[in-house]
Amino acid sequence: VSKVCNTQMARLATRLMMGEKLEDLKLKDKKFKHHGAKEAVFPFDKFPKVDPVLGPEMRSTGEVLGLSEDFALAYYKSQEAAGSILPSSGAVLISLSDKTNLCDQAIEVGQRFQELGFKIYATEGTAKFYEKAGVKCEVVNKIAEGRPNVLDVILNKQVNLIINTPWARRDAVADESAIRKAAIKYKTPYITTLAAALDTVKGIAAAKAGKGEVKSLQEYHSSIEEI
């Protein structure tokens, strides 16, 4: 936040902890033209047998920051900096969980990938949902449904991106763990929320449109205006 805002937040927080009041800091409102997207960096690629699921313990080994006037592009840059290179073409595997994820946002994700020319693989329930919305999919089996299944399309490098929102059901936990491990092993970007999926497809579109400008941190800071 300090780097995005060009404000020494830790210094200000320390002054407050030492007894100063907010009015003593003489803070001013600022207008920002850029966005910042921070991403954690994880070492899962060095431990292929470990399930890369997150819990309360800290597993990250660092963090990176993407900056841009376009938030989706800032997100795209953050993924690139973290080593998760998002594809500009190819195929995406989408498997959405329960009805809470079968929504308008999910439709937008599918439609945007289709508009960008991506081939879409989807598990049966997700495929039926997308077909009703006019999004073309190729149905792929879940692991327990026979072969070829979701693991096969990952192992055969038929997909360049995976979107898999978690299920609460116990019978889906093993599938999700296997998919996550395969994604790490074969260096396939893996997304677990619709919000991140939407930012991803918007970021890919922005990058393909040539909006991926390179600016120094000082250039971004110089555009900050005091109100």
C-alpha atoms as a PDB file:
ATOM      1  CA  VAL A   1       0.000   0.000   0.000  1.00  0.00           C
ATOM      2  CA  SER A   2       2.871   2.361   0.808  1.00  0.00           C
ATOM      3  CA  LYS A   3       4.433   1.756  -2.592  1.00  0.00           C
ATOM      4  CA  VAL A   4       1.148   2.237  -4.461  1.00  0.00           C
ATOM      5  CA  CYS A   5       0.226   5.414  -2.565  1.00  0.00           C
ATOM      6  CA  ASN A   6       3.754   6.844  -2.171  1.00  0.00           C
ATOM      7  CA  THR A   7       3.037   7.230   1.538  1.00  0.00           C
ATOM      8  CA  GLN A   8       5.101   5.755   4.378  1.00  0.00           C
ATOM      9  CA  MET A   9       2.245   3.955   6.117  1.00  0.00           C
ATOM     10  CA  ALA A  10       4.464   2.220   8.694  1.00  0.00           C
ATOM     11  CA  ARG A  11       5.965   5.532   9.799  1.00  0.00           C
ATOM     12  CA  LEU A  12       2.515   7.124  10.148  1.00  0.00           C
ATOM     13  CA  ALA A  13       1.177   4.105  12.041  1.00  0.00           C
ATOM     14  CA  THR A  14       4.129   4.242  14.436  1.00  0.00           C
ATOM     15  CA  ARG A  15       3.501   7.913  15.167  1.00  0.00           C
ATOM     16  CA  LEU A  16      -0.121   7.106  15.992  1.00  0.00           C
ATOM     17  CA  MET A  17       0.950   4.256  18.259  1.00  0.00           C
ATOM     18  CA  MET A  18       3.276   6.658  20.063  1.00  0.00           C
ATOM     19  CA  GLY A  19       0.364   8.925  20.946  1.00  0.00           C
ATOM     20  CA  GLU A  20      -0.068  11.390  18.099  1.00  0.00           C
ATOM     21  CA  LYS A  21      -3.549  12.082  16.715  1.00  0.00           C
ATOM     22  CA  LEU A  22      -4.702  11.821  13.103  1.00  0.00           C
ATOM     23  CA  GLU A  23      -5.054  15.594  12.865  1.00  0.00           C
ATOM     24  CA  ASP A  24      -1.390  15.924  13.897  1.00  0.00           C
ATOM     25  CA  LEU A  25      -0.310  14.035  10.776  1.00  0.00           C
ATOM     26  CA  LYS A  26      -1.841  16.650   8.453  1.00  0.00           C
ATOM     27  CA  LEU A  27      -2.922  14.044   5.931  1.00  0.00           C
ATOM     28  CA  LYS A  28      -4.401  15.134   2.612  1.00  0.00           C
ATOM     29  CA  ASP A  29      -6.860  13.388   0.325  1.00  0.00           C
ATOM     30  CA  LYS A  30      -5.287  12.111  -2.870  1.00  0.00           C
ATOM     31  CA  LYS A  31      -6.590  11.120  -6.283  1.00  0.00           C
ATOM     32  CA  PHE A  32      -5.000   8.087  -7.926  1.00  0.00           C
ATOM     33  CA  LYS A  33      -4.998   7.255 -11.622  1.00  0.00           C
ATOM     34  CA  HIS A  34      -3.411   3.843 -11.132  1.00  0.00           C
ATOM     35  CA  HIS A  35      -4.257   0.588  -9.389  1.00  0.00           C
ATOM     36  CA  GLY A  36      -2.063  -1.867  -7.533  1.00  0.00           C
ATOM     37  CA  ALA A  37      -2.526  -5.647  -7.339  1.00  0.00           C
ATOM     38  CA  LYS A  38      -0.403  -7.606  -4.874  1.00  0.00           C
ATOM     39  CA  GLU A  39       0.203 -11.330  -5.270  1.00  0.00           C
ATOM     40  CA  ALA A  40       1.853 -13.801  -2.921  1.00  0.00           C
ATOM     41  CA  VAL A  41       4.644 -16.055  -4.177  1.00  0.00           C
ATOM     42  CA  PHE A  42       4.545 -19.706  -3.117  1.00  0.00           C
ATOM     43  CA  PRO A  43       7.202 -22.451  -3.371  1.00  0.00           C
ATOM     44  CA  PHE A  44       4.767 -25.232  -4.308  1.00  0.00           C
ATOM     45  CA  ASP A  45       6.615 -26.018  -7.549  1.00  0.00           C
ATOM     46  CA  LYS A  46       9.529 -27.276  -5.426  1.00  0.00           C
ATOM     47  CA  PHE A  47       7.233 -29.663  -3.519  1.00  0.00           C
ATOM     48  CA  PRO A  48       5.142 -31.450  -6.190  1.00  0.00           C
ATOM     49  CA  LYS A  49       3.552 -33.920  -3.744  1.00  0.00           C
ATOM     50  CA  VAL A  50       2.246 -31.200  -1.431  1.00  0.00           C
ATOM     51  CA  ASP A  51      -1.344 -30.050  -1.921  1.00  0.00           C
ATOM     52  CA  PRO A  52      -1.089 -26.302  -2.683  1.00  0.00           C
ATOM     53  CA  VAL A  53      -4.199 -25.475  -0.688  1.00  0.00           C
ATOM     54  CA  LEU A  54      -3.974 -22.511   1.670  1.00  0.00           C
ATOM     55  CA  GLY A  55      -4.704 -22.608   5.376  1.00  0.00           C
ATOM     56  CA  PRO A  56      -4.110 -20.416   8.422  1.00  0.00           C
ATOM     57  CA  GLU A  57      -0.349 -20.955   8.401  1.00  0.00           C
ATOM     58  CA  MET A  58       1.928 -18.740   6.303  1.00  0.00           C
ATOM     59  CA  ARG A  59       3.216 -20.518   3.207  1.00  0.00           C
ATOM     60  CA  SER A  60       4.292 -17.666   0.958  1.00  0.00           C
ATOM     61  CA  THR A  61       7.975 -16.880   0.446  1.00  0.00           C
ATOM     62  CA  GLY A  62       7.442 -13.343  -0.793  1.00  0.00           C
ATOM     63  CA  GLU A  63       5.120 -11.070  -2.707  1.00  0.00           C
ATOM     64  CA  VAL A  64       5.015  -9.056  -5.916  1.00  0.00           C
ATOM     65  CA  LEU A  65       3.114  -5.991  -7.114  1.00  0.00           C
ATOM     66  CA  GLY A  66       1.508  -5.128 -10.446  1.00  0.00           C
ATOM     67  CA  LEU A  67       0.734  -1.486 -11.319  1.00  0.00           C
ATOM     68  CA  SER A  68      -1.426  -0.060 -14.106  1.00  0.00           C
ATOM     69  CA  GLU A  69      -4.163   2.475 -14.819  1.00  0.00           C
ATOM     70  CA  ASP A  70      -6.320  -0.576 -15.607  1.00  0.00           C
ATOM     71  CA  PHE A  71      -6.950  -2.827 -12.579  1.00  0.00           C
ATOM     72  CA  ALA A  72      -7.289  -5.981 -14.696  1.00  0.00           C
ATOM     73  CA  LEU A  73      -3.926  -5.259 -16.296  1.00  0.00           C
ATOM     74  CA  ALA A  74      -2.400  -4.631 -12.865  1.00  0.00           C
ATOM     75  CA  TYR A  75      -3.701  -8.063 -11.848  1.00  0.00           C
ATOM     76  CA  TYR A  76      -2.256  -9.582 -15.049  1.00  0.00           C
ATOM     77  CA  LYS A  77       1.145  -8.060 -14.257  1.00  0.00           C
ATOM     78  CA  SER A  78       1.050  -9.384 -10.692  1.00  0.00           C
ATOM     79  CA  GLN A  79       0.449 -12.931 -11.953  1.00  0.00           C
ATOM     80  CA  GLU A  80       3.260 -12.602 -14.462  1.00  0.00           C
ATOM     81  CA  ALA A  81       5.628 -11.308 -11.768  1.00  0.00           C
ATOM     82  CA  ALA A  82       4.706 -14.228  -9.498  1.00  0.00           C
ATOM     83  CA  GLY A  83       5.654 -16.684 -12.232  1.00  0.00           C
ATOM     84  CA  SER A  84       2.117 -17.617 -13.281  1.00  0.00           C
ATOM     85  CA  ILE A  85       2.197 -16.686 -16.959  1.00  0.00           C
ATOM     86  CA  LEU A  86      -1.361 -16.225 -18.198  1.00  0.00           C
ATOM     87  CA  PRO A  87      -2.031 -17.495 -21.733  1.00  0.00           C
ATOM     88  CA  SER A  88      -3.081 -15.207 -24.581  1.00  0.00           C
ATOM     89  CA  SER A  89      -4.690 -18.087 -26.483  1.00  0.00           C
ATOM     90  CA  GLY A  90      -5.348 -21.816 -26.251  1.00  0.00           C
ATOM     91  CA  ALA A  91      -7.831 -23.588 -24.006  1.00  0.00           C
ATOM     92  CA  VAL A  92      -9.272 -23.109 -20.537  1.00  0.00           C
ATOM     93  CA  LEU A  93     -10.713 -25.777 -18.237  1.00  0.00           C
ATOM     94  CA  ILE A  94     -13.667 -24.533 -16.176  1.00  0.00           C
ATOM     95  CA  SER A  95     -15.299 -26.500 -13.363  1.00  0.00           C
ATOM     96  CA  LEU A  96     -17.629 -24.502 -11.136  1.00  0.00           C
ATOM     97  CA  SER A  97     -18.952 -25.776  -7.835  1.00  0.00           C
ATOM     98  CA  ASP A  98     -22.497 -25.409  -6.550  1.00  0.00           C
ATOM     99  CA  LYS A  99     -25.263 -23.053  -7.642  1.00  0.00           C
ATOM    100  CA  THR A 100     -23.668 -20.091  -5.855  1.00  0.00           C
ATOM    101  CA  ASN A 101     -21.028 -20.017  -8.594  1.00  0.00           C
ATOM    102  CA  LEU A 102     -23.439 -20.617 -11.487  1.00  0.00           C
ATOM    103  CA  CYS A 103     -24.285 -16.939 -11.828  1.00  0.00           C
ATOM    104  CA  ASP A 104     -24.067 -13.949 -14.171  1.00  0.00           C
ATOM    105  CA  GLN A 105     -20.412 -13.427 -13.273  1.00  0.00           C
ATOM    106  CA  ALA A 106     -19.641 -16.990 -14.351  1.00  0.00           C
ATOM    107  CA  ILE A 107     -21.448 -16.391 -17.644  1.00  0.00           C
ATOM    108  CA  GLU A 108     -19.376 -13.263 -18.244  1.00  0.00           C
ATOM    109  CA  VAL A 109     -16.178 -15.218 -17.643  1.00  0.00           C
ATOM    110  CA  GLY A 110     -17.174 -17.866 -20.192  1.00  0.00           C
ATOM    111  CA  GLN A 111     -18.364 -15.328 -22.753  1.00  0.00           C
ATOM    112  CA  ARG A 112     -15.180 -13.279 -22.508  1.00  0.00           C
ATOM    113  CA  PHE A 113     -12.954 -16.333 -22.977  1.00  0.00           C
ATOM    114  CA  GLN A 114     -15.074 -17.346 -25.963  1.00  0.00           C
ATOM    115  CA  GLU A 115     -14.745 -13.860 -27.475  1.00  0.00           C
ATOM    116  CA  LEU A 116     -10.958 -14.079 -27.082  1.00  0.00           C
ATOM    117  CA  GLY A 117     -10.958 -17.305 -29.092  1.00  0.00           C
ATOM    118  CA  PHE A 118     -10.222 -19.732 -26.267  1.00  0.00           C
ATOM    119  CA  LYS A 119     -11.492 -23.290 -26.456  1.00  0.00           C
ATOM    120  CA  ILE A 120     -13.455 -24.100 -23.304  1.00  0.00           C
ATOM    121  CA  TYR A 121     -13.406 -27.483 -21.580  1.00  0.00           C
ATOM    122  CA  ALA A 122     -15.978 -27.897 -18.816  1.00  0.00           C
ATOM    123  CA  THR A 123     -17.258 -30.596 -16.498  1.00  0.00           C
ATOM    124  CA  GLU A 124     -20.827 -31.753 -17.167  1.00  0.00           C
ATOM    125  CA  GLY A 125     -22.738 -29.466 -14.787  1.00  0.00           C
ATOM    126  CA  THR A 126     -20.746 -26.404 -15.802  1.00  0.00           C
ATOM    127  CA  ALA A 127     -21.091 -27.251 -19.497  1.00  0.00           C
ATOM    128  CA  LYS A 128     -24.892 -27.505 -19.242  1.00  0.00           C
ATOM    129  CA  PHE A 129     -24.977 -24.140 -17.476  1.00  0.00           C
ATOM    130  CA  TYR A 130     -22.833 -22.529 -20.171  1.00  0.00           C
ATOM    131  CA  GLU A 131     -24.746 -24.063 -23.074  1.00  0.00           C
ATOM    132  CA  LYS A 132     -27.928 -22.388 -21.830  1.00  0.00           C
ATOM    133  CA  ALA A 133     -26.036 -19.079 -21.897  1.00  0.00           C
ATOM    134  CA  GLY A 134     -24.755 -19.649 -25.430  1.00  0.00           C
ATOM    135  CA  VAL A 135     -21.174 -20.465 -24.444  1.00  0.00           C
ATOM    136  CA  LYS A 136     -19.767 -23.422 -26.397  1.00  0.00           C
ATOM    137  CA  CYS A 137     -17.930 -26.058 -24.343  1.00  0.00           C
ATOM    138  CA  GLU A 138     -16.391 -29.471 -24.774  1.00  0.00           C
ATOM    139  CA  VAL A 139     -17.494 -31.733 -21.921  1.00  0.00           C
ATOM    140  CA  VAL A 140     -14.739 -33.458 -19.958  1.00  0.00           C
ATOM    141  CA  ASN A 141     -15.258 -36.107 -17.285  1.00  0.00           C
ATOM    142  CA  LYS A 142     -14.506 -35.676 -13.622  1.00  0.00           C
ATOM    143  CA  ILE A 143     -11.885 -38.110 -12.318  1.00  0.00           C
ATOM    144  CA  ALA A 144     -14.408 -40.676 -11.048  1.00  0.00           C
ATOM    145  CA  GLU A 145     -16.460 -40.564 -14.257  1.00  0.00           C
ATOM    146  CA  GLY A 146     -13.962 -42.363 -16.467  1.00  0.00           C
ATOM    147  CA  ARG A 147     -11.436 -41.288 -19.063  1.00  0.00           C
ATOM    148  CA  PRO A 148     -10.513 -38.989 -20.636  1.00  0.00           C
ATOM    149  CA  ASN A 149     -11.027 -36.800 -17.591  1.00  0.00           C
ATOM    150  CA  VAL A 150      -9.879 -33.462 -16.199  1.00  0.00           C
ATOM    151  CA  LEU A 151      -6.488 -34.878 -15.202  1.00  0.00           C
ATOM    152  CA  ASP A 152      -5.905 -36.237 -18.692  1.00  0.00           C
ATOM    153  CA  VAL A 153      -6.444 -32.857 -20.376  1.00  0.00           C
ATOM    154  CA  ILE A 154      -3.982 -31.294 -17.914  1.00  0.00           C
ATOM    155  CA  LEU A 155      -1.366 -34.042 -18.264  1.00  0.00           C
ATOM    156  CA  ASN A 156      -1.681 -33.952 -22.064  1.00  0.00           C
ATOM    157  CA  LYS A 157      -1.229 -30.155 -21.950  1.00  0.00           C
ATOM    158  CA  GLN A 158      -4.534 -29.588 -23.718  1.00  0.00           C
ATOM    159  CA  VAL A 159      -5.386 -26.669 -21.431  1.00  0.00           C
ATOM    160  CA  ASN A 160      -3.439 -23.497 -20.678  1.00  0.00           C
ATOM    161  CA  LEU A 161      -5.516 -22.269 -17.745  1.00  0.00           C
ATOM    162  CA  ILE A 162      -7.662 -23.894 -15.039  1.00  0.00           C
ATOM    163  CA  ILE A 163     -10.631 -22.329 -13.247  1.00  0.00           C
ATOM    164  CA  ASN A 164     -11.913 -24.596 -10.479  1.00  0.00           C
ATOM    165  CA  THR A 165     -14.046 -23.175  -7.670  1.00  0.00           C
ATOM    166  CA  PRO A 166     -13.971 -25.405  -4.549  1.00  0.00           C
ATOM    167  CA  TRP A 167     -16.829 -27.710  -3.591  1.00  0.00           C
ATOM    168  CA  ALA A 168     -17.950 -28.216  -0.007  1.00  0.00           C
ATOM    169  CA  ARG A 169     -18.791 -31.877  -0.712  1.00  0.00           C
ATOM    170  CA  ARG A 170     -16.351 -34.486   0.588  1.00  0.00           C
ATOM    171  CA  ASP A 171     -16.379 -36.498  -2.628  1.00  0.00           C
ATOM    172  CA  ALA A 172     -15.030 -33.491  -4.526  1.00  0.00           C
ATOM    173  CA  VAL A 173     -12.093 -32.798  -2.199  1.00  0.00           C
ATOM    174  CA  ALA A 174      -9.877 -35.564  -3.629  1.00  0.00           C
ATOM    175  CA  ASP A 175     -10.560 -34.414  -7.210  1.00  0.00           C
ATOM    176  CA  GLU A 176      -9.678 -30.830  -6.371  1.00  0.00           C
ATOM    177  CA  SER A 177      -6.455 -31.867  -4.642  1.00  0.00           C
ATOM    178  CA  ALA A 178      -5.415 -33.951  -7.662  1.00  0.00           C
ATOM    179  CA  ILE A 179      -6.199 -31.078 -10.039  1.00  0.00           C
ATOM    180  CA  ARG A 180      -4.197 -28.598  -7.947  1.00  0.00           C
ATOM    181  CA  LYS A 181      -1.174 -30.923  -7.812  1.00  0.00           C
ATOM    182  CA  ALA A 182      -1.346 -31.535 -11.572  1.00  0.00           C
ATOM    183  CA  ALA A 183      -1.603 -27.795 -12.236  1.00  0.00           C
ATOM    184  CA  ILE A 184       1.543 -27.144 -10.196  1.00  0.00           C
ATOM    185  CA  LYS A 185       3.446 -30.059 -11.761  1.00  0.00           C
ATOM    186  CA  TYR A 186       2.650 -28.998 -15.320  1.00  0.00           C
ATOM    187  CA  LYS A 187       2.941 -25.249 -14.589  1.00  0.00           C
ATOM    188  CA  THR A 188      -0.647 -24.499 -15.554  1.00  0.00           C
ATOM    189  CA  PRO A 189      -2.151 -21.319 -14.018  1.00  0.00           C
ATOM    190  CA  TYR A 190      -4.860 -22.291 -11.527  1.00  0.00           C
ATOM    191  CA  ILE A 191      -7.706 -20.027 -10.334  1.00  0.00           C
ATOM    192  CA  THR A 192     -10.172 -20.805  -7.537  1.00  0.00           C
ATOM    193  CA  THR A 193     -12.550 -17.803  -7.460  1.00  0.00           C
ATOM    194  CA  LEU A 194     -14.856 -16.188  -9.998  1.00  0.00           C
ATOM    195  CA  ALA A 195     -13.568 -12.727  -9.088  1.00  0.00           C
ATOM    196  CA  ALA A 196     -10.006 -13.750  -9.972  1.00  0.00           C
ATOM    197  CA  ALA A 197     -11.246 -15.518 -13.119  1.00  0.00           C
ATOM    198  CA  LEU A 198     -12.960 -12.339 -14.318  1.00  0.00           C
ATOM    199  CA  ASP A 199      -9.886 -10.207 -13.596  1.00  0.00           C
ATOM    200  CA  THR A 200      -7.795 -12.800 -15.422  1.00  0.00           C
ATOM    201  CA  VAL A 201      -9.806 -12.764 -18.635  1.00  0.00           C
ATOM    202  CA  LYS A 202     -10.037  -8.957 -18.561  1.00  0.00           C
ATOM    203  CA  GLY A 203      -6.286  -8.749 -18.009  1.00  0.00           C
ATOM    204  CA  ILE A 204      -5.586 -11.122 -20.896  1.00  0.00           C
ATOM    205  CA  ALA A 205      -7.812  -8.999 -23.147  1.00  0.00           C
ATOM    206  CA  ALA A 206      -6.017  -5.807 -22.091  1.00  0.00           C
ATOM    207  CA  ALA A 207      -2.591  -7.369 -22.662  1.00  0.00           C
ATOM    208  CA  LYS A 208      -3.633  -8.646 -26.103  1.00  0.00           C
ATOM    209  CA  ALA A 209      -4.870  -5.151 -26.963  1.00  0.00           C
ATOM    210  CA  GLY A 210      -1.379  -3.797 -26.311  1.00  0.00           C
ATOM    211  CA  LYS A 211      -2.216  -1.932 -23.122  1.00  0.00           C
ATOM    212  CA  GLY A 212       0.664  -3.470 -21.197  1.00  0.00           C
ATOM    213  CA  GLU A 213       2.639  -0.275 -20.767  1.00  0.00           C
ATOM    214  CA  VAL A 214       5.869  -0.176 -18.788  1.00  0.00           C
ATOM    215  CA  LYS A 215       6.345   2.746 -16.405  1.00  0.00           C
ATOM    216  CA  SER A 216       8.683   3.438 -13.536  1.00  0.00           C
ATOM    217  CA  LEU A 217       7.350   3.676  -9.999  1.00  0.00           C
ATOM    218  CA  GLN A 218       8.287   7.361 -10.043  1.00  0.00           C
ATOM    219  CA  GLU A 219       6.058   7.952 -13.083  1.00  0.00           C
ATOM    220  CA  TYR A 220       3.083   6.442 -11.283  1.00  0.00           C
ATOM    221  CA  HIS A 221       3.812   8.521  -8.188  1.00  0.00           C
ATOM    222  CA  SER A 222       4.059  11.732 -10.217  1.00  0.00           C
ATOM    223  CA  SER A 223       0.475  11.233 -11.434  1.00  0.00           C
ATOM    224  CA  ILE A 224      -0.943  11.260  -7.878  1.00  0.00           C
ATOM    225  CA  GLU A 225      -2.896  14.456  -7.251  1.00  0.00           C
ATOM    226  CA  GLU A 226      -3.701  16.064  -3.927  1.00  0.00           C
ATOM    227  CA  ILE A 227      -7.346  17.073  -3.538  1.00  0.00           C
END
